[in-house]
Amino acid sequence: MKKKLVLVVIVMITLGTAVIATTTTIQQQVCAVTSKRDFQGGTQTSIFENDVYVAWWTNKTGNDEVMYRLSSDAGKTFTDKVNLSNSPNSDSVDVEISADEGRVAVSWWERNQTLNEPVIRISNDNGKTFGPELKLASDGPIG
């Protein structure tokens, strides 16, 4: 009985160490990607299984835009950046991202002198493509 208990403890310690090492590696890769010069705004990440989703806002063009990148290999490599907001008449800021079971949601605020509106874009294919921008503060159904 003691041998089984010792074996269970060894397996649990080994699995725990593997999970911690994997999580640390993913976090290091995200930090390396987000520390590049393009990442000037608040960076948000979401991780689901081996997929790492990163969203941020940047002001390289004179107005804030929401950018996005995806890693399908636990943060070893990332796709090219994609501009999710593409809104030249307002600043896109305060980005949030969430991912679960193949769905990714990226939300942010569109702001200018007359606008202060939350919006969202949703992906149903593991973050490879996104649907249209949905305005969350509008009256009536969204979609």
Protein backbone atom coordinates (compact mmCIF):
# COMPACT_ATOMS: atom_id res chain seq x y z
CA MET A 1 0.00 0.00 0.00
CA LYS A 2 2.85 2.40 0.85
CA LYS A 3 4.50 1.70 -2.53
CA LYS A 4 1.29 2.69 -4.35
CA LEU A 5 1.03 5.89 -2.33
CA VAL A 6 4.67 6.76 -3.06
CA LEU A 7 4.09 6.07 -6.76
CA VAL A 8 0.97 8.27 -6.81
CA VAL A 9 2.88 11.10 -5.10
CA ILE A 10 5.76 10.81 -7.59
CA VAL A 11 3.35 10.90 -10.55
CA MET A 12 1.53 13.93 -9.11
CA ILE A 13 4.80 15.80 -8.54
CA THR A 14 5.99 14.97 -12.07
CA LEU A 15 2.70 16.12 -13.64
CA GLY A 16 2.67 19.27 -11.53
CA THR A 17 6.23 20.11 -12.56
CA ALA A 18 5.35 19.56 -16.24
CA VAL A 19 2.30 21.83 -16.01
CA ILE A 20 4.29 24.58 -14.27
CA ALA A 21 7.11 24.32 -16.84
CA THR A 22 4.67 24.50 -19.76
CA THR A 23 2.81 27.47 -18.28
CA THR A 24 6.09 29.28 -17.59
CA THR A 25 7.29 28.67 -21.16
CA ILE A 26 4.03 30.02 -22.63
CA GLN A 27 4.19 33.08 -20.39
CA GLN A 28 7.82 33.73 -21.40
CA GLN A 29 6.94 33.46 -25.10
CA VAL A 30 4.00 35.87 -24.72
CA CYS A 31 6.23 38.32 -22.85
CA ALA A 32 8.83 38.09 -25.62
CA VAL A 33 6.21 38.76 -28.31
CA THR A 34 4.48 41.55 -26.41
CA SER A 35 7.73 43.32 -25.55
CA LYS A 36 8.40 44.11 -29.21
CA ARG A 37 8.04 47.72 -30.32
CA ASP A 38 4.62 47.23 -31.98
CA PHE A 39 2.97 46.55 -28.62
CA GLN A 40 2.43 50.05 -27.24
CA GLY A 41 -0.99 49.74 -25.60
CA GLY A 42 -2.43 47.48 -22.96
CA THR A 43 -1.67 43.89 -23.93
CA GLN A 44 -4.18 41.15 -23.12
CA THR A 45 -3.69 37.40 -23.56
CA SER A 46 -5.91 34.36 -23.42
CA ILE A 47 -4.73 30.76 -23.55
CA PHE A 48 -6.75 27.67 -24.46
CA GLU A 49 -4.90 24.37 -24.77
CA ASN A 50 -1.92 25.08 -27.11
CA ASP A 51 -3.43 28.27 -28.56
CA VAL A 52 -2.22 31.64 -27.30
CA TYR A 53 -4.27 34.70 -28.30
CA VAL A 54 -2.81 38.20 -27.88
CA ALA A 55 -4.62 41.51 -28.39
CA TRP A 56 -3.40 45.06 -27.74
CA TRP A 57 -3.92 48.61 -28.86
CA THR A 58 -1.25 50.70 -30.52
CA ASN A 59 -0.92 54.25 -31.80
CA LYS A 60 1.64 53.83 -34.59
CA THR A 61 -0.61 55.50 -37.20
CA GLY A 62 -1.74 58.51 -35.16
CA ASN A 63 -4.87 56.95 -33.74
CA ASP A 64 -5.27 53.90 -31.53
CA GLU A 65 -6.06 50.59 -33.24
CA VAL A 66 -6.70 47.10 -31.81
CA MET A 67 -4.18 44.56 -33.05
CA TYR A 68 -4.23 40.77 -32.71
CA ARG A 69 -1.89 37.78 -33.09
CA LEU A 70 -2.37 34.02 -32.65
CA SER A 71 -0.01 31.20 -31.75
CA SER A 72 -1.14 27.62 -32.37
CA ASP A 73 2.05 26.07 -30.97
CA ALA A 74 2.02 27.21 -27.33
CA GLY A 75 3.74 30.52 -28.08
CA LYS A 76 6.70 29.30 -30.15
CA THR A 77 5.56 31.24 -33.22
CA PHE A 78 2.83 33.80 -33.91
CA THR A 79 0.82 34.82 -36.97
CA ASP A 80 1.27 38.24 -38.53
CA LYS A 81 -0.58 40.99 -36.70
CA VAL A 82 -4.14 41.80 -37.75
CA ASN A 83 -5.90 45.15 -37.23
CA LEU A 84 -9.29 44.19 -35.75
CA SER A 85 -10.63 47.72 -35.27
CA ASN A 86 -9.45 49.61 -38.37
CA SER A 87 -11.26 52.78 -37.30
CA PRO A 88 -9.55 55.95 -38.58
CA ASN A 89 -12.17 58.30 -37.05
CA SER A 90 -11.91 57.09 -33.46
CA ASP A 91 -9.44 55.64 -30.99
CA SER A 92 -9.80 51.94 -30.20
CA VAL A 93 -8.63 51.31 -26.62
CA ASP A 94 -9.03 49.20 -23.48
CA VAL A 95 -8.93 45.84 -25.24
CA GLU A 96 -10.04 42.58 -23.57
CA ILE A 97 -9.77 39.05 -24.98
CA SER A 98 -11.26 35.70 -24.03
CA ALA A 99 -11.00 32.25 -25.62
CA ASP A 100 -12.67 28.90 -24.99
CA GLU A 101 -13.24 25.80 -27.14
CA GLY A 102 -12.53 27.38 -30.51
CA ARG A 103 -14.28 30.69 -29.87
CA VAL A 104 -12.37 33.92 -29.33
CA ALA A 105 -13.95 37.23 -28.35
CA VAL A 106 -12.07 40.53 -28.52
CA SER A 107 -13.78 43.63 -27.15
CA TRP A 108 -12.68 47.25 -26.83
CA TRP A 109 -13.98 50.82 -26.65
CA GLU A 110 -14.29 53.15 -29.65
CA ARG A 111 -13.75 56.75 -28.53
CA ASN A 112 -13.65 60.21 -30.09
CA GLN A 113 -15.16 63.64 -29.28
CA THR A 114 -18.74 62.34 -29.68
CA LEU A 115 -18.39 58.56 -29.31
CA ASN A 116 -17.69 56.29 -26.34
CA GLU A 117 -18.97 52.87 -27.34
CA PRO A 118 -18.06 49.27 -26.51
CA VAL A 119 -17.63 46.91 -29.48
CA ILE A 120 -16.75 43.24 -29.96
CA ARG A 121 -15.55 40.91 -32.70
CA ILE A 122 -15.97 37.15 -32.41
CA SER A 123 -14.12 34.25 -34.01
CA ASN A 124 -15.63 30.78 -34.27
CA ASP A 125 -12.58 29.13 -35.87
CA ASN A 126 -9.92 29.27 -33.13
CA GLY A 127 -9.06 32.90 -33.82
CA LYS A 128 -8.13 32.48 -37.48
CA THR A 129 -10.86 34.84 -38.76
CA PHE A 130 -13.29 37.24 -37.08
CA GLY A 131 -16.86 38.26 -37.77
CA PRO A 132 -17.91 41.90 -38.17
CA GLU A 133 -17.62 44.52 -35.46
CA LEU A 134 -20.71 44.45 -33.24
CA LYS A 135 -21.73 47.62 -31.40
CA LEU A 136 -22.71 46.59 -27.88
CA ALA A 137 -24.35 49.86 -26.80
CA SER A 138 -26.82 49.99 -29.71
CA ASP A 139 -30.53 49.53 -29.06
CA GLY A 140 -32.20 46.44 -30.49
CA PRO A 141 -30.66 43.06 -31.37
CA ILE A 142 -26.92 42.81 -31.89
CA GLY A 143 -25.67 41.03 -34.98
